[in-house]
Amino acid sequence: MEKPFIVVSDGFDANLFDQLKKVTEFEVFTESKITQETLKELLPKINGIIIRSATKMTKELIDQAPNLKYIIRAGEGTDNIDKAYCQEKGVKVSNTPGANSNAVAELAIGFMLGVLRKTAFAHRSMHEGKWDKALFGGAELTGKKVGFAGFGKIGQLVAKRLAGFDSSVLYYDVIEQNHGLAYVSRAASLKEMFEQCDIISIHLPKLKSTTNIVNAELLSCMKPGAIIINTSRGGIINEDDLYATLKEKAIRGAALDVYNSEPLDPNSKLLELDNLLTTPHVGASSEEAQYRVGEMALNQLQEFFIKDNLLNEVRA
């Protein structure tokens, strides 16, 4: 029997990739990060593939990989995989739940502080040789009411970190979460949460039901001094509506790590705003998270191909 041919498409921790190549039961492609052109050349012989957010496992790509048995999403969100078609073709899909949760949670906290204190904008101003102290007065995180749209693992981690800021937390989730946090309560609706909170933090999966769920109507419910951040998935906040809201200074500001289309167009009108903090989808990009994600993916590959054991399966 031929060894399973394994490809890592979007990068992998160097030490873990070396470990992967030493697994004698596998034939591993020599590069840990490849171009889409190279990926398409390799598709016909691939048995297992590890991807992050950049590679989109669409019906088109899956059809070019007749020997594909297993896709691992090194991360949590799997909206870049056509899971329904995978089920139809008998291709198994897994993610690495929890491995990068803390990294995303810490970025969310950093965003809150960054928007409230305008640190990125003050930094840029300083590097332009200015001393615009009067422009960069901000607000404190301490004592603020923070609203969570979605309150799963990452949202709850953020809420726990907020305890040190004496924050109160209101969340809206279709499922009532068993969080055990005395300072957390559930809102009756998204609208109620947007009306009451000083900070809105988005932690929703990308689904048909959540696409553009944060729109002009909800944004208009926010307090003038409120902020909104998104470290989950692009497309949950309607970018045109957010742009208009921020352009009019109807709220204090916002921060985005994710976008409708990635990479973000360098000519995007979002980049014109002086009250929007942006990062290039780096929520999971801590050294620690990348190692944990890779370690889990490596273990799952061995379990699947060597022990015929499927871990952390994700279905449509």
C-alpha atoms as a PDB file:
ATOM      1  CA  MET A   1       0.000   0.000   0.000  1.00  0.00           C
ATOM      2  CA  GLU A   2       1.338   3.435  -0.943  1.00  0.00           C
ATOM      3  CA  LYS A   3       2.012   5.924   1.792  1.00  0.00           C
ATOM      4  CA  PRO A   4      -0.558   8.729   2.163  1.00  0.00           C
ATOM      5  CA  PHE A   5       0.660  11.853   0.386  1.00  0.00           C
ATOM      6  CA  ILE A   6       0.334  14.837   2.744  1.00  0.00           C
ATOM      7  CA  VAL A   7       0.485  18.519   1.790  1.00  0.00           C
ATOM      8  CA  VAL A   8       0.596  21.561   4.068  1.00  0.00           C
ATOM      9  CA  SER A   9      -0.886  24.416   2.089  1.00  0.00           C
ATOM     10  CA  ASP A  10      -0.776  27.583   4.192  1.00  0.00           C
ATOM     11  CA  GLY A  11       2.272  27.257   6.408  1.00  0.00           C
ATOM     12  CA  PHE A  12       3.167  25.248   9.483  1.00  0.00           C
ATOM     13  CA  ASP A  13       5.407  25.617  12.519  1.00  0.00           C
ATOM     14  CA  ALA A  14       8.913  24.714  11.309  1.00  0.00           C
ATOM     15  CA  ASN A  15       9.679  22.293  14.152  1.00  0.00           C
ATOM     16  CA  LEU A  16       6.357  20.516  13.759  1.00  0.00           C
ATOM     17  CA  PHE A  17       6.810  20.315   9.986  1.00  0.00           C
ATOM     18  CA  ASP A  18      10.139  18.597  10.575  1.00  0.00           C
ATOM     19  CA  GLN A  19       8.344  16.158  12.870  1.00  0.00           C
ATOM     20  CA  LEU A  20       5.690  15.550  10.220  1.00  0.00           C
ATOM     21  CA  LYS A  21       8.338  14.722   7.619  1.00  0.00           C
ATOM     22  CA  LYS A  22       9.816  12.160  10.022  1.00  0.00           C
ATOM     23  CA  VAL A  23       6.566  10.190  10.242  1.00  0.00           C
ATOM     24  CA  THR A  24       7.648   7.149   8.257  1.00  0.00           C
ATOM     25  CA  GLU A  25       4.079   6.178   7.357  1.00  0.00           C
ATOM     26  CA  PHE A  26       3.628   9.412   5.325  1.00  0.00           C
ATOM     27  CA  GLU A  27       5.025  10.888   2.153  1.00  0.00           C
ATOM     28  CA  VAL A  28       5.112  14.616   2.902  1.00  0.00           C
ATOM     29  CA  PHE A  29       5.558  17.336   0.293  1.00  0.00           C
ATOM     30  CA  THR A  30       8.853  19.068   0.990  1.00  0.00           C
ATOM     31  CA  GLU A  31       7.538  22.634   1.380  1.00  0.00           C
ATOM     32  CA  SER A  32       5.442  23.789   4.338  1.00  0.00           C
ATOM     33  CA  LYS A  33       3.867  26.684   2.445  1.00  0.00           C
ATOM     34  CA  ILE A  34       3.004  26.535  -1.217  1.00  0.00           C
ATOM     35  CA  THR A  35       1.447  28.678  -3.906  1.00  0.00           C
ATOM     36  CA  GLN A  36      -2.015  28.010  -5.254  1.00  0.00           C
ATOM     37  CA  GLU A  37      -0.423  27.070  -8.583  1.00  0.00           C
ATOM     38  CA  THR A  38       1.690  24.400  -6.890  1.00  0.00           C
ATOM     39  CA  LEU A  39      -1.322  23.187  -4.933  1.00  0.00           C
ATOM     40  CA  LYS A  40      -3.301  22.665  -8.141  1.00  0.00           C
ATOM     41  CA  GLU A  41      -0.426  20.667  -9.607  1.00  0.00           C
ATOM     42  CA  LEU A  42      -0.354  18.439  -6.518  1.00  0.00           C
ATOM     43  CA  LEU A  43      -4.115  17.954  -6.128  1.00  0.00           C
ATOM     44  CA  PRO A  44      -4.392  14.722  -8.175  1.00  0.00           C
ATOM     45  CA  LYS A  45      -2.128  12.816  -5.771  1.00  0.00           C
ATOM     46  CA  ILE A  46      -3.039  14.411  -2.437  1.00  0.00           C
ATOM     47  CA  ASN A  47      -4.538  12.131   0.240  1.00  0.00           C
ATOM     48  CA  GLY A  48      -4.435  14.538   3.154  1.00  0.00           C
ATOM     49  CA  ILE A  49      -4.114  18.323   3.324  1.00  0.00           C
ATOM     50  CA  ILE A  50      -3.687  20.837   6.125  1.00  0.00           C
ATOM     51  CA  ILE A  51      -4.967  24.341   5.394  1.00  0.00           C
ATOM     52  CA  ARG A  52      -5.487  27.598   7.218  1.00  0.00           C
ATOM     53  CA  SER A  53      -7.757  30.416   6.058  1.00  0.00           C
ATOM     54  CA  ALA A  54      -6.006  31.255   2.770  1.00  0.00           C
ATOM     55  CA  THR A  55      -6.766  28.048   0.883  1.00  0.00           C
ATOM     56  CA  LYS A  56     -10.406  27.651  -0.140  1.00  0.00           C
ATOM     57  CA  MET A  57     -11.361  24.002  -0.546  1.00  0.00           C
ATOM     58  CA  THR A  58     -14.096  24.578  -3.081  1.00  0.00           C
ATOM     59  CA  LYS A  59     -15.975  22.046  -5.201  1.00  0.00           C
ATOM     60  CA  GLU A  60     -13.607  22.914  -8.057  1.00  0.00           C
ATOM     61  CA  LEU A  61     -10.488  22.038  -6.046  1.00  0.00           C
ATOM     62  CA  ILE A  62     -12.049  18.940  -4.492  1.00  0.00           C
ATOM     63  CA  ASP A  63     -12.959  17.639  -7.955  1.00  0.00           C
ATOM     64  CA  GLN A  64      -9.295  17.960  -8.937  1.00  0.00           C
ATOM     65  CA  ALA A  65      -8.281  15.790  -5.970  1.00  0.00           C
ATOM     66  CA  PRO A  66      -9.812  12.348  -6.635  1.00  0.00           C
ATOM     67  CA  ASN A  67      -7.611  10.675  -4.007  1.00  0.00           C
ATOM     68  CA  LEU A  68      -8.323  13.193  -1.246  1.00  0.00           C
ATOM     69  CA  LYS A  69      -9.467  11.550   1.981  1.00  0.00           C
ATOM     70  CA  TYR A  70      -8.935  14.117   4.711  1.00  0.00           C
ATOM     71  CA  ILE A  71      -8.856  17.918   5.138  1.00  0.00           C
ATOM     72  CA  ILE A  72      -7.647  19.476   8.373  1.00  0.00           C
ATOM     73  CA  ARG A  73      -8.425  23.125   8.969  1.00  0.00           C
ATOM     74  CA  ALA A  74      -5.592  24.311  11.212  1.00  0.00           C
ATOM     75  CA  GLY A  75      -7.850  26.637  13.157  1.00  0.00           C
ATOM     76  CA  GLU A  76     -11.485  26.727  14.155  1.00  0.00           C
ATOM     77  CA  GLY A  77     -13.568  28.244  11.346  1.00  0.00           C
ATOM     78  CA  THR A  78     -14.291  25.972   8.381  1.00  0.00           C
ATOM     79  CA  ASP A  79     -16.259  28.335   6.141  1.00  0.00           C
ATOM     80  CA  ASN A  80     -13.445  28.082   3.557  1.00  0.00           C
ATOM     81  CA  ILE A  81     -14.284  24.410   3.026  1.00  0.00           C
ATOM     82  CA  ASP A  82     -17.283  23.152   1.046  1.00  0.00           C
ATOM     83  CA  LYS A  83     -18.236  20.689   3.769  1.00  0.00           C
ATOM     84  CA  ALA A  84     -21.451  19.557   2.098  1.00  0.00           C
ATOM     85  CA  TYR A  85     -19.565  18.558  -1.046  1.00  0.00           C
ATOM     86  CA  CYS A  86     -16.901  16.868   1.067  1.00  0.00           C
ATOM     87  CA  GLN A  87     -19.618  14.723   2.663  1.00  0.00           C
ATOM     88  CA  GLU A  88     -20.978  13.882  -0.768  1.00  0.00           C
ATOM     89  CA  LYS A  89     -17.501  12.812  -1.936  1.00  0.00           C
ATOM     90  CA  GLY A  90     -16.607  10.952   1.257  1.00  0.00           C
ATOM     91  CA  VAL A  91     -13.875  13.403   2.242  1.00  0.00           C
ATOM     92  CA  LYS A  92     -13.547  13.846   5.995  1.00  0.00           C
ATOM     93  CA  VAL A  93     -13.026  17.296   7.522  1.00  0.00           C
ATOM     94  CA  SER A  94     -11.625  18.238  10.922  1.00  0.00           C
ATOM     95  CA  ASN A  95     -10.611  21.451  12.641  1.00  0.00           C
ATOM     96  CA  THR A  96      -8.409  22.145  15.674  1.00  0.00           C
ATOM     97  CA  PRO A  97     -10.887  23.554  18.190  1.00  0.00           C
ATOM     98  CA  GLY A  98      -9.545  25.657  21.012  1.00  0.00           C
ATOM     99  CA  ALA A  99      -5.931  25.680  19.851  1.00  0.00           C
ATOM    100  CA  ASN A 100      -5.945  29.354  18.862  1.00  0.00           C
ATOM    101  CA  SER A 101      -8.763  30.585  21.112  1.00  0.00           C
ATOM    102  CA  ASN A 102      -6.559  32.409  23.597  1.00  0.00           C
ATOM    103  CA  ALA A 103      -4.684  34.246  20.848  1.00  0.00           C
ATOM    104  CA  VAL A 104      -7.933  35.554  19.351  1.00  0.00           C
ATOM    105  CA  ALA A 105      -9.281  36.460  22.797  1.00  0.00           C
ATOM    106  CA  GLU A 106      -6.164  38.494  23.599  1.00  0.00           C
ATOM    107  CA  LEU A 107      -6.385  40.323  20.266  1.00  0.00           C
ATOM    108  CA  ALA A 108      -9.992  41.230  21.080  1.00  0.00           C
ATOM    109  CA  ILE A 109      -8.868  42.765  24.375  1.00  0.00           C
ATOM    110  CA  GLY A 110      -6.052  44.558  22.562  1.00  0.00           C
ATOM    111  CA  PHE A 111      -8.548  45.949  20.071  1.00  0.00           C
ATOM    112  CA  MET A 112     -10.751  47.299  22.850  1.00  0.00           C
ATOM    113  CA  LEU A 113      -7.822  49.104  24.431  1.00  0.00           C
ATOM    114  CA  GLY A 114      -6.417  50.202  21.079  1.00  0.00           C
ATOM    115  CA  VAL A 115      -9.634  51.830  19.879  1.00  0.00           C
ATOM    116  CA  LEU A 116     -10.481  53.398  23.227  1.00  0.00           C
ATOM    117  CA  ARG A 117      -6.976  54.865  23.679  1.00  0.00           C
ATOM    118  CA  LYS A 118      -6.255  55.530  19.947  1.00  0.00           C
ATOM    119  CA  THR A 119      -2.785  54.040  20.341  1.00  0.00           C
ATOM    120  CA  ALA A 120      -2.263  53.004  16.717  1.00  0.00           C
ATOM    121  CA  PHE A 121      -3.234  56.421  15.437  1.00  0.00           C
ATOM    122  CA  ALA A 122      -1.033  58.183  18.005  1.00  0.00           C
ATOM    123  CA  HIS A 123       1.863  55.910  17.017  1.00  0.00           C
ATOM    124  CA  ARG A 124       1.437  56.764  13.353  1.00  0.00           C
ATOM    125  CA  SER A 125       1.255  60.460  14.149  1.00  0.00           C
ATOM    126  CA  MET A 126       4.483  60.277  16.168  1.00  0.00           C
ATOM    127  CA  HIS A 127       6.272  58.582  13.289  1.00  0.00           C
ATOM    128  CA  GLU A 128       5.177  61.459  11.076  1.00  0.00           C
ATOM    129  CA  GLY A 129       7.104  63.760  13.421  1.00  0.00           C
ATOM    130  CA  LYS A 130       4.041  65.189  15.153  1.00  0.00           C
ATOM    131  CA  TRP A 131       3.132  65.735  18.807  1.00  0.00           C
ATOM    132  CA  ASP A 132      -0.666  65.834  18.564  1.00  0.00           C
ATOM    133  CA  LYS A 133      -1.377  65.168  22.215  1.00  0.00           C
ATOM    134  CA  ALA A 134      -4.711  66.982  22.105  1.00  0.00           C
ATOM    135  CA  LEU A 135      -5.996  64.654  19.367  1.00  0.00           C
ATOM    136  CA  PHE A 136      -5.445  61.421  21.223  1.00  0.00           C
ATOM    137  CA  GLY A 137      -7.343  61.674  24.446  1.00  0.00           C
ATOM    138  CA  GLY A 138      -9.237  58.436  24.918  1.00  0.00           C
ATOM    139  CA  ALA A 139     -11.505  56.455  27.190  1.00  0.00           C
ATOM    140  CA  GLU A 140     -10.913  53.671  29.714  1.00  0.00           C
ATOM    141  CA  LEU A 141     -11.968  50.048  29.436  1.00  0.00           C
ATOM    142  CA  THR A 142     -12.536  49.770  33.174  1.00  0.00           C
ATOM    143  CA  GLY A 143     -16.190  49.650  34.128  1.00  0.00           C
ATOM    144  CA  LYS A 144     -17.530  49.438  30.585  1.00  0.00           C
ATOM    145  CA  LYS A 145     -20.451  47.204  29.607  1.00  0.00           C
ATOM    146  CA  VAL A 146     -19.290  44.816  26.902  1.00  0.00           C
ATOM    147  CA  GLY A 147     -21.686  43.012  24.574  1.00  0.00           C
ATOM    148  CA  PHE A 148     -20.861  39.750  22.822  1.00  0.00           C
ATOM    149  CA  ALA A 149     -22.562  38.676  19.617  1.00  0.00           C
ATOM    150  CA  GLY A 150     -21.918  34.962  20.022  1.00  0.00           C
ATOM    151  CA  PHE A 151     -20.664  33.590  23.323  1.00  0.00           C
ATOM    152  CA  GLY A 152     -18.822  30.371  22.599  1.00  0.00           C
ATOM    153  CA  LYS A 153     -15.340  29.422  23.716  1.00  0.00           C
ATOM    154  CA  ILE A 154     -13.544  32.549  22.484  1.00  0.00           C
ATOM    155  CA  GLY A 155     -16.229  34.952  23.667  1.00  0.00           C
ATOM    156  CA  GLN A 156     -16.155  33.414  27.116  1.00  0.00           C
ATOM    157  CA  LEU A 157     -12.360  33.665  27.254  1.00  0.00           C
ATOM    158  CA  VAL A 158     -12.599  37.380  26.441  1.00  0.00           C
ATOM    159  CA  ALA A 159     -15.253  37.808  29.125  1.00  0.00           C
ATOM    160  CA  LYS A 160     -13.010  36.133  31.705  1.00  0.00           C
ATOM    161  CA  ARG A 161     -10.146  38.483  30.827  1.00  0.00           C
ATOM    162  CA  LEU A 162     -12.506  41.441  31.283  1.00  0.00           C
ATOM    163  CA  ALA A 163     -13.078  40.565  34.942  1.00  0.00           C
ATOM    164  CA  GLY A 164      -9.887  42.440  35.751  1.00  0.00           C
ATOM    165  CA  PHE A 165     -11.398  45.572  34.229  1.00  0.00           C
ATOM    166  CA  ASP A 166     -14.525  45.382  36.418  1.00  0.00           C
ATOM    167  CA  SER A 167     -16.611  45.072  33.281  1.00  0.00           C
ATOM    168  CA  SER A 168     -20.173  43.841  33.083  1.00  0.00           C
ATOM    169  CA  VAL A 169     -20.998  41.553  30.184  1.00  0.00           C
ATOM    170  CA  LEU A 170     -24.148  41.105  28.146  1.00  0.00           C
ATOM    171  CA  TYR A 171     -24.275  38.482  25.427  1.00  0.00           C
ATOM    172  CA  TYR A 172     -26.640  37.344  22.733  1.00  0.00           C
ATOM    173  CA  ASP A 173     -26.408  33.787  21.450  1.00  0.00           C
ATOM    174  CA  VAL A 174     -29.022  31.476  19.995  1.00  0.00           C
ATOM    175  CA  ILE A 175     -27.949  29.000  22.681  1.00  0.00           C
ATOM    176  CA  GLU A 176     -28.012  29.946  26.349  1.00  0.00           C
ATOM    177  CA  GLN A 177     -24.447  29.360  27.468  1.00  0.00           C
ATOM    178  CA  ASN A 178     -23.452  27.724  30.749  1.00  0.00           C
ATOM    179  CA  HIS A 179     -20.586  30.091  31.558  1.00  0.00           C
ATOM    180  CA  GLY A 180     -20.599  30.317  35.361  1.00  0.00           C
ATOM    181  CA  LEU A 181     -19.628  34.016  35.352  1.00  0.00           C
ATOM    182  CA  ALA A 182     -21.539  36.133  37.853  1.00  0.00           C
ATOM    183  CA  TYR A 183     -21.057  39.383  35.929  1.00  0.00           C
ATOM    184  CA  VAL A 184     -22.461  37.953  32.669  1.00  0.00           C
ATOM    185  CA  SER A 185     -26.106  38.001  31.580  1.00  0.00           C
ATOM    186  CA  ARG A 186     -27.957  37.140  28.394  1.00  0.00           C
ATOM    187  CA  ALA A 187     -29.694  39.782  26.286  1.00  0.00           C
ATOM    188  CA  ALA A 188     -33.164  39.179  24.903  1.00  0.00           C
ATOM    189  CA  SER A 189     -32.062  40.323  21.446  1.00  0.00           C
ATOM    190  CA  LEU A 190     -29.133  41.689  19.494  1.00  0.00           C
ATOM    191  CA  LYS A 191     -30.889  45.047  19.359  1.00  0.00           C
ATOM    192  CA  GLU A 192     -31.125  45.234  23.140  1.00  0.00           C
ATOM    193  CA  MET A 193     -27.440  44.385  23.450  1.00  0.00           C
ATOM    194  CA  PHE A 194     -26.372  46.989  20.882  1.00  0.00           C
ATOM    195  CA  GLU A 195     -28.443  49.634  22.652  1.00  0.00           C
ATOM    196  CA  GLN A 196     -27.046  48.978  26.118  1.00  0.00           C
ATOM    197  CA  CYS A 197     -23.351  48.260  25.623  1.00  0.00           C
ATOM    198  CA  ASP A 198     -20.289  50.488  25.377  1.00  0.00           C
ATOM    199  CA  ILE A 199     -18.339  47.860  23.448  1.00  0.00           C
ATOM    200  CA  ILE A 200     -19.609  45.233  21.008  1.00  0.00           C
ATOM    201  CA  SER A 201     -17.369  42.227  20.289  1.00  0.00           C
ATOM    202  CA  ILE A 202     -18.301  39.890  17.431  1.00  0.00           C
ATOM    203  CA  HIS A 203     -17.705  36.145  17.914  1.00  0.00           C
ATOM    204  CA  LEU A 204     -20.019  34.514  15.383  1.00  0.00           C
ATOM    205  CA  PRO A 205     -19.389  31.848  12.743  1.00  0.00           C
ATOM    206  CA  LYS A 206     -19.886  32.771   9.080  1.00  0.00           C
ATOM    207  CA  LEU A 207     -23.262  31.345   8.064  1.00  0.00           C
ATOM    208  CA  LYS A 208     -26.075  32.447   5.777  1.00  0.00           C
ATOM    209  CA  SER A 209     -27.957  33.531   8.892  1.00  0.00           C
ATOM    210  CA  THR A 210     -25.063  35.638  10.209  1.00  0.00           C
ATOM    211  CA  THR A 211     -23.881  37.258   6.964  1.00  0.00           C
ATOM    212  CA  ASN A 212     -24.451  41.040   7.233  1.00  0.00           C
ATOM    213  CA  ILE A 213     -26.314  40.475  10.495  1.00  0.00           C
ATOM    214  CA  VAL A 214     -24.636  43.626  11.842  1.00  0.00           C
ATOM    215  CA  ASN A 215     -26.091  46.248   9.533  1.00  0.00           C
ATOM    216  CA  ALA A 216     -27.108  49.912   9.512  1.00  0.00           C
ATOM    217  CA  GLU A 217     -30.152  49.205  11.664  1.00  0.00           C
ATOM    218  CA  LEU A 218     -28.134  47.603  14.452  1.00  0.00           C
ATOM    219  CA  LEU A 219     -25.266  50.069  14.184  1.00  0.00           C
ATOM    220  CA  SER A 220     -27.733  52.943  14.566  1.00  0.00           C
ATOM    221  CA  CYS A 221     -28.724  51.504  17.954  1.00  0.00           C
ATOM    222  CA  MET A 222     -25.235  51.978  19.391  1.00  0.00           C
ATOM    223  CA  LYS A 223     -24.315  54.715  21.849  1.00  0.00           C
ATOM    224  CA  PRO A 224     -22.344  57.634  20.349  1.00  0.00           C
ATOM    225  CA  GLY A 225     -19.298  56.728  22.447  1.00  0.00           C
ATOM    226  CA  ALA A 226     -19.469  53.007  21.745  1.00  0.00           C
ATOM    227  CA  ILE A 227     -17.065  50.869  19.740  1.00  0.00           C
ATOM    228  CA  ILE A 228     -17.393  47.616  17.797  1.00  0.00           C
ATOM    229  CA  ILE A 229     -14.755  45.017  17.026  1.00  0.00           C
ATOM    230  CA  ASN A 230     -14.704  41.889  14.880  1.00  0.00           C
ATOM    231  CA  THR A 231     -12.151  39.110  15.329  1.00  0.00           C
ATOM    232  CA  SER A 232     -14.379  36.305  14.006  1.00  0.00           C
ATOM    233  CA  ARG A 233     -15.191  36.305  10.279  1.00  0.00           C
ATOM    234  CA  GLY A 234     -15.542  38.919   7.573  1.00  0.00           C
ATOM    235  CA  GLY A 235     -18.998  39.507   6.188  1.00  0.00           C
ATOM    236  CA  ILE A 236     -20.780  39.414   9.534  1.00  0.00           C
ATOM    237  CA  ILE A 237     -20.589  43.203   9.703  1.00  0.00           C
ATOM    238  CA  ASN A 238     -21.875  44.933   6.584  1.00  0.00           C
ATOM    239  CA  GLU A 239     -18.761  46.902   5.602  1.00  0.00           C
ATOM    240  CA  ASP A 240     -20.637  49.590   3.679  1.00  0.00           C
ATOM    241  CA  ASP A 241     -22.870  50.250   6.673  1.00  0.00           C
ATOM    242  CA  LEU A 242     -19.910  50.278   9.054  1.00  0.00           C
ATOM    243  CA  TYR A 243     -18.041  52.694   6.787  1.00  0.00           C
ATOM    244  CA  ALA A 244     -21.001  55.092   6.729  1.00  0.00           C
ATOM    245  CA  THR A 245     -21.408  54.875  10.503  1.00  0.00           C
ATOM    246  CA  LEU A 246     -17.727  55.591  11.160  1.00  0.00           C
ATOM    247  CA  LYS A 247     -17.503  58.287   8.498  1.00  0.00           C
ATOM    248  CA  GLU A 248     -20.359  60.134  10.182  1.00  0.00           C
ATOM    249  CA  LYS A 249     -18.686  59.661  13.613  1.00  0.00           C
ATOM    250  CA  ALA A 250     -21.954  58.169  14.814  1.00  0.00           C
ATOM    251  CA  ILE A 251     -19.909  55.920  17.139  1.00  0.00           C
ATOM    252  CA  ARG A 252     -16.460  56.310  18.680  1.00  0.00           C
ATOM    253  CA  GLY A 253     -14.673  53.758  16.517  1.00  0.00           C
ATOM    254  CA  ALA A 254     -14.157  50.174  15.425  1.00  0.00           C
ATOM    255  CA  ALA A 255     -11.507  47.515  14.885  1.00  0.00           C
ATOM    256  CA  LEU A 256     -11.425  44.753  12.278  1.00  0.00           C
ATOM    257  CA  ASP A 257      -9.150  41.759  11.863  1.00  0.00           C
ATOM    258  CA  VAL A 258     -11.359  40.121   9.202  1.00  0.00           C
ATOM    259  CA  TYR A 259     -12.978  41.353   5.992  1.00  0.00           C
ATOM    260  CA  ASN A 260     -15.513  40.450   3.308  1.00  0.00           C
ATOM    261  CA  SER A 261     -12.684  39.757   0.878  1.00  0.00           C
ATOM    262  CA  GLU A 262      -9.151  38.917   1.953  1.00  0.00           C
ATOM    263  CA  PRO A 263      -6.575  40.239   1.511  1.00  0.00           C
ATOM    264  CA  LEU A 264      -8.250  43.613   1.886  1.00  0.00           C
ATOM    265  CA  ASP A 265      -8.012  45.756  -1.234  1.00  0.00           C
ATOM    266  CA  PRO A 266      -5.314  48.403  -0.569  1.00  0.00           C
ATOM    267  CA  ASN A 267      -7.712  50.933  -2.101  1.00  0.00           C
ATOM    268  CA  SER A 268     -10.557  49.972   0.235  1.00  0.00           C
ATOM    269  CA  LYS A 269     -12.471  52.960   1.528  1.00  0.00           C
ATOM    270  CA  LEU A 270     -12.222  51.443   4.999  1.00  0.00           C
ATOM    271  CA  LEU A 271      -8.571  52.472   5.064  1.00  0.00           C
ATOM    272  CA  GLU A 272      -9.564  56.125   4.676  1.00  0.00           C
ATOM    273  CA  LEU A 273     -11.110  56.174   8.146  1.00  0.00           C
ATOM    274  CA  ASP A 274      -9.321  57.707  11.111  1.00  0.00           C
ATOM    275  CA  ASN A 275     -11.438  55.834  13.662  1.00  0.00           C
ATOM    276  CA  LEU A 276     -10.993  52.292  12.364  1.00  0.00           C
ATOM    277  CA  LEU A 277      -8.155  50.069  13.589  1.00  0.00           C
ATOM    278  CA  THR A 278      -7.233  47.338  11.088  1.00  0.00           C
ATOM    279  CA  THR A 279      -5.046  44.229  11.191  1.00  0.00           C
ATOM    280  CA  PRO A 280      -4.530  41.584   8.450  1.00  0.00           C
ATOM    281  CA  HIS A 281      -6.385  38.581   9.953  1.00  0.00           C
ATOM    282  CA  VAL A 282      -3.768  37.926  12.624  1.00  0.00           C
ATOM    283  CA  GLY A 283      -6.085  36.799  15.422  1.00  0.00           C
ATOM    284  CA  ALA A 284      -4.628  33.302  15.569  1.00  0.00           C
ATOM    285  CA  SER A 285      -1.079  34.347  14.707  1.00  0.00           C
ATOM    286  CA  SER A 286       0.647  34.090  18.036  1.00  0.00           C
ATOM    287  CA  GLU A 287       3.681  31.825  18.305  1.00  0.00           C
ATOM    288  CA  GLU A 288       1.966  29.770  20.979  1.00  0.00           C
ATOM    289  CA  ALA A 289      -1.280  29.358  19.036  1.00  0.00           C
ATOM    290  CA  GLN A 290       0.487  28.383  15.833  1.00  0.00           C
ATOM    291  CA  TYR A 291       2.377  25.682  17.682  1.00  0.00           C
ATOM    292  CA  ARG A 292      -0.756  24.338  19.401  1.00  0.00           C
ATOM    293  CA  VAL A 293      -2.688  24.306  16.122  1.00  0.00           C
ATOM    294  CA  GLY A 294       0.113  22.473  14.311  1.00  0.00           C
ATOM    295  CA  GLU A 295       0.583  19.989  17.131  1.00  0.00           C
ATOM    296  CA  MET A 296      -3.117  19.126  17.074  1.00  0.00           C
ATOM    297  CA  ALA A 297      -3.180  18.834  13.273  1.00  0.00           C
ATOM    298  CA  LEU A 298      -0.147  16.537  13.278  1.00  0.00           C
ATOM    299  CA  ASN A 299      -1.775  14.282  15.862  1.00  0.00           C
ATOM    300  CA  GLN A 300      -5.029  14.182  13.895  1.00  0.00           C
ATOM    301  CA  LEU A 301      -3.220  13.165  10.710  1.00  0.00           C
ATOM    302  CA  GLN A 302      -1.564  10.258  12.507  1.00  0.00           C
ATOM    303  CA  GLU A 303      -4.796   9.197  14.148  1.00  0.00           C
ATOM    304  CA  PHE A 304      -6.689   9.238  10.845  1.00  0.00           C
ATOM    305  CA  PHE A 305      -4.238   7.605   8.470  1.00  0.00           C
ATOM    306  CA  ILE A 306      -2.397   5.298  10.872  1.00  0.00           C
ATOM    307  CA  LYS A 307      -5.008   4.383  13.492  1.00  0.00           C
ATOM    308  CA  ASP A 308      -8.189   4.893  11.407  1.00  0.00           C
ATOM    309  CA  ASN A 309      -9.492   7.272  14.097  1.00  0.00           C
ATOM    310  CA  LEU A 310     -11.206  10.534  13.122  1.00  0.00           C
ATOM    311  CA  LEU A 311     -10.844  13.372  15.644  1.00  0.00           C
ATOM    312  CA  ASN A 312     -12.746  16.687  15.754  1.00  0.00           C
ATOM    313  CA  GLU A 313     -14.866  15.988  12.698  1.00  0.00           C
ATOM    314  CA  VAL A 314     -16.779  18.943  11.250  1.00  0.00           C
ATOM    315  CA  ARG A 315     -19.849  18.295   9.098  1.00  0.00           C
ATOM    316  CA  ALA A 316     -22.028  20.527   6.970  1.00  0.00           C
END
